[in-house]
Amino acid sequence: MTTVTPAYGRDPKTSREALESWENGDDWIIADISNPWDGKPCSKRDKSSLGDVMLRFNGLMDILTV
């Protein structure tokens, strides 16, 4: 499981907004110290190399797994 957070100051407030952002291919930042790409941007197109992805949003208070 790879944890990602919104990039470029975006911060979806709802699960729907977060999922929409992911599905639209917006960039997210890998926030997982066990991942060699920690701190690097990623998007839906990178999912095959990331495995399961946990989106953290709404001030990092909410989680959605994709």
Protein backbone atom coordinates (compact mmCIF):
# COMPACT_ATOMS: atom_id res chain seq x y z
CA MET A 1 0.00 0.00 0.00
CA THR A 2 1.40 3.38 -1.05
CA THR A 3 0.21 6.58 0.64
CA VAL A 4 -0.13 9.72 -1.48
CA THR A 5 -1.16 13.31 -0.71
CA PRO A 6 -2.44 16.05 -3.06
CA ALA A 7 0.19 18.00 -4.99
CA TYR A 8 0.57 21.70 -5.75
CA GLY A 9 -1.58 23.02 -2.89
CA ARG A 10 -4.71 21.12 -3.89
CA ASP A 11 -6.72 19.63 -1.03
CA PRO A 12 -9.96 17.84 -1.97
CA LYS A 13 -12.55 18.16 0.79
CA THR A 14 -14.67 15.09 -0.08
CA SER A 15 -14.06 11.52 -1.19
CA ARG A 16 -15.79 12.33 -4.45
CA GLU A 17 -13.41 15.24 -5.16
CA ALA A 18 -10.37 13.12 -4.27
CA LEU A 19 -11.46 10.23 -6.50
CA GLU A 20 -12.24 12.64 -9.33
CA SER A 21 -8.78 14.17 -9.00
CA TRP A 22 -7.16 10.72 -9.07
CA GLU A 23 -9.26 9.54 -12.04
CA ASN A 24 -8.49 12.76 -13.98
CA GLY A 25 -4.78 11.99 -13.70
CA ASP A 26 -3.91 14.90 -11.40
CA ASP A 27 -0.55 14.66 -9.65
CA TRP A 28 -0.26 13.41 -6.07
CA ILE A 29 2.88 13.24 -3.93
CA ILE A 30 4.13 9.90 -2.60
CA ALA A 31 4.21 10.19 1.20
CA ASP A 32 5.59 6.81 2.17
CA ILE A 33 9.08 6.57 3.67
CA SER A 34 9.28 2.88 2.75
CA ASN A 35 8.89 3.79 -0.94
CA PRO A 36 12.05 4.70 -2.88
CA TRP A 37 10.08 7.47 -4.63
CA ASP A 38 9.00 9.18 -1.39
CA GLY A 39 8.35 12.89 -2.07
CA LYS A 40 8.01 12.43 -5.84
CA PRO A 41 4.86 13.16 -7.84
CA CYS A 42 2.71 10.33 -9.20
CA SER A 43 -0.71 9.89 -10.76
CA LYS A 44 -3.17 7.24 -11.86
CA ARG A 45 -0.91 6.32 -14.79
CA ASP A 46 1.70 5.10 -12.24
CA LYS A 47 -0.72 2.80 -10.40
CA SER A 48 0.70 -0.40 -11.90
CA SER A 49 4.08 0.27 -10.26
CA LEU A 50 2.57 1.59 -7.01
CA GLY A 51 0.15 -1.24 -6.23
CA ASP A 52 -2.75 -0.30 -3.95
CA VAL A 53 -2.87 3.43 -3.30
CA MET A 54 -4.22 5.24 -0.25
CA LEU A 55 -5.26 8.84 -0.99
CA ARG A 56 -4.93 11.20 2.02
CA PHE A 57 -6.91 14.43 1.67
CA ASN A 58 -8.97 17.05 3.53
CA GLY A 59 -6.05 18.24 5.62
CA LEU A 60 -4.78 14.62 5.66
CA MET A 61 -7.77 13.71 7.85
CA ASP A 62 -9.58 11.49 5.33
CA ILE A 63 -8.46 8.35 3.49
CA LEU A 64 -9.65 6.66 0.31
CA THR A 65 -8.12 3.46 -1.11
CA VAL A 66 -7.97 3.07 -4.89
